[in-house]
Protein backbone atom coordinates (compact mmCIF):
# COMPACT_ATOMS: atom_id res chain seq x y z
CA MET A 1 3.75 -44.30 -175.86
CA GLY A 2 2.80 -45.80 -179.65
CA ASP A 3 0.57 -44.72 -182.26
CA THR A 4 -2.77 -42.89 -180.90
CA GLY A 5 -4.15 -42.91 -184.52
CA ALA A 6 -3.77 -47.16 -184.32
CA ASN A 7 -5.14 -47.25 -180.71
CA GLU A 8 -8.43 -45.44 -181.65
CA ALA A 9 -9.04 -47.32 -184.55
CA ASN A 10 -8.45 -50.63 -182.34
CA ARG A 11 -10.81 -49.37 -180.13
CA GLN A 12 -13.41 -48.54 -182.90
CA GLU A 13 -12.98 -52.04 -184.65
CA GLN A 14 -13.70 -53.61 -180.96
CA SER A 15 -16.82 -51.29 -180.07
CA GLU A 16 -18.21 -52.47 -183.46
CA GLU A 17 -17.52 -56.02 -182.92
CA LEU A 18 -19.58 -55.55 -179.81
CA LEU A 19 -22.23 -53.71 -181.14
CA GLY A 20 -22.82 -56.73 -183.70
CA ALA A 21 -22.77 -58.96 -181.50
CA THR A 22 -25.66 -57.22 -179.57
CA GLN A 23 -27.10 -56.43 -182.56
CA LEU A 24 -27.18 -60.48 -183.61
CA ARG A 25 -29.06 -60.95 -180.18
CA ARG A 26 -31.38 -58.54 -181.11
CA CYS A 27 -32.30 -60.53 -183.97
CA ALA A 28 -32.31 -63.94 -182.70
CA TRP A 29 -35.99 -64.33 -182.20
CA PRO A 30 -37.06 -62.99 -185.57
CA LEU A 31 -34.11 -65.24 -187.09
CA HIS A 32 -35.35 -68.67 -185.26
CA SER A 33 -38.80 -67.55 -186.47
CA TRP A 34 -37.45 -67.49 -189.65
CA TYR A 35 -35.58 -70.59 -189.58
CA ASP A 36 -38.76 -72.45 -188.46
CA GLU A 37 -40.85 -71.20 -191.02
CA ALA A 38 -37.98 -72.26 -193.68
CA VAL A 39 -37.54 -75.98 -192.15
CA LYS A 40 -41.32 -76.50 -193.09
CA ALA A 41 -41.24 -74.95 -196.37
CA THR A 42 -41.06 -76.17 -199.56
CA TRP A 43 -39.64 -73.22 -201.67
CA ARG A 44 -39.32 -74.71 -204.93
CA SER A 45 -39.18 -71.38 -207.07
CA PRO A 46 -38.60 -67.76 -206.00
CA GLN A 47 -41.81 -67.38 -206.56
CA ASP A 48 -42.53 -69.88 -203.99
CA VAL A 49 -40.55 -67.75 -201.28
CA LYS A 50 -42.40 -64.57 -202.60
CA ASP A 51 -45.81 -66.23 -202.08
CA HIS A 52 -45.12 -66.90 -198.39
CA TYR A 53 -42.54 -63.68 -197.80
CA ALA A 54 -43.89 -60.75 -199.81
CA ASN A 55 -41.29 -58.71 -199.22
CA ALA A 56 -38.25 -60.79 -199.94
CA ASN A 57 -36.45 -59.57 -202.38
CA ILE A 58 -35.43 -62.02 -205.24
CA CYS A 59 -31.44 -61.19 -206.10
CA GLY A 60 -28.83 -62.64 -208.68
CA ASN A 61 -26.96 -65.61 -207.98
CA ASN A 62 -29.70 -67.14 -206.60
CA ARG A 63 -29.77 -65.10 -203.44
CA VAL A 64 -32.73 -63.60 -201.52
CA VAL A 65 -33.05 -61.32 -198.92
CA PHE A 66 -34.86 -61.13 -196.16
CA ASN A 67 -36.25 -58.13 -193.69
CA MET A 68 -36.24 -59.09 -189.83
CA GLY A 69 -36.96 -57.57 -186.80
CA GLY A 70 -39.21 -55.05 -188.24
CA ASN A 71 -36.94 -53.63 -191.10
CA LYS A 72 -34.07 -53.40 -188.97
CA TYR A 73 -31.76 -56.82 -189.89
CA ARG A 74 -31.10 -58.19 -193.17
CA LEU A 75 -30.83 -61.75 -193.69
CA VAL A 76 -29.19 -62.86 -196.96
CA VAL A 77 -29.48 -66.46 -197.87
CA GLU A 78 -28.48 -68.77 -200.87
CA MET A 79 -31.12 -71.06 -202.51
CA GLN A 80 -30.76 -74.36 -203.92
CA TYR A 81 -34.44 -74.73 -205.04
CA ARG A 82 -34.41 -78.12 -206.73
CA ALA A 83 -32.52 -79.51 -204.20
CA GLY A 84 -34.33 -77.42 -201.38
CA ILE A 85 -31.17 -76.28 -199.33
CA VAL A 86 -30.84 -73.28 -197.99
CA TRP A 87 -27.48 -71.51 -196.93
CA VAL A 88 -27.20 -68.52 -194.80
CA LYS A 89 -24.57 -65.82 -196.54
CA PHE A 90 -25.17 -62.76 -194.11
CA VAL A 91 -27.02 -61.67 -191.00
CA GLY A 92 -26.28 -58.10 -190.10
CA THR A 93 -28.27 -54.98 -189.23
CA HIS A 94 -29.65 -52.72 -192.12
CA ALA A 95 -26.55 -50.30 -192.03
CA GLN A 96 -24.07 -53.22 -192.20
CA TYR A 97 -26.19 -54.33 -195.25
CA ASP A 98 -25.88 -51.41 -196.98
CA ARG A 99 -22.15 -52.56 -196.93
CA ILE A 100 -22.22 -55.86 -198.61
CA ASP A 101 -22.45 -56.84 -202.28
CA VAL A 102 -25.98 -59.60 -201.90
CA GLU A 103 -24.57 -61.57 -204.62
CA ASN A 104 -21.22 -61.93 -203.74
CA VAL A 105 -21.48 -62.03 -199.38
CA ASN A 106 -20.21 -65.19 -197.91
CA ASP A 107 -20.17 -64.69 -194.08
CA TYR A 108 -21.38 -67.92 -192.96
């Protein structure tokens, strides 16, 4: 028969993966909207980001957290202000965000 606990854990993991994919699809429009604005932006300092997104959280390790989709999702990026480069480090639900280390996450 096998280990029922292991099977249940596997089913739970698969369910969470599917839920994550669904959640990310729901976040697609706000993420695309943010991307369109970010491509046009000239952010040379954390204050430039705050001037455009007052609710953005400036964190250590050049990380910035953006609230997406009515505060249901989080986008974590790393900024290289002088070069004008933004790297996406994490996209997920508020609950998923609560389980990460913002300054070290590197999901993408």
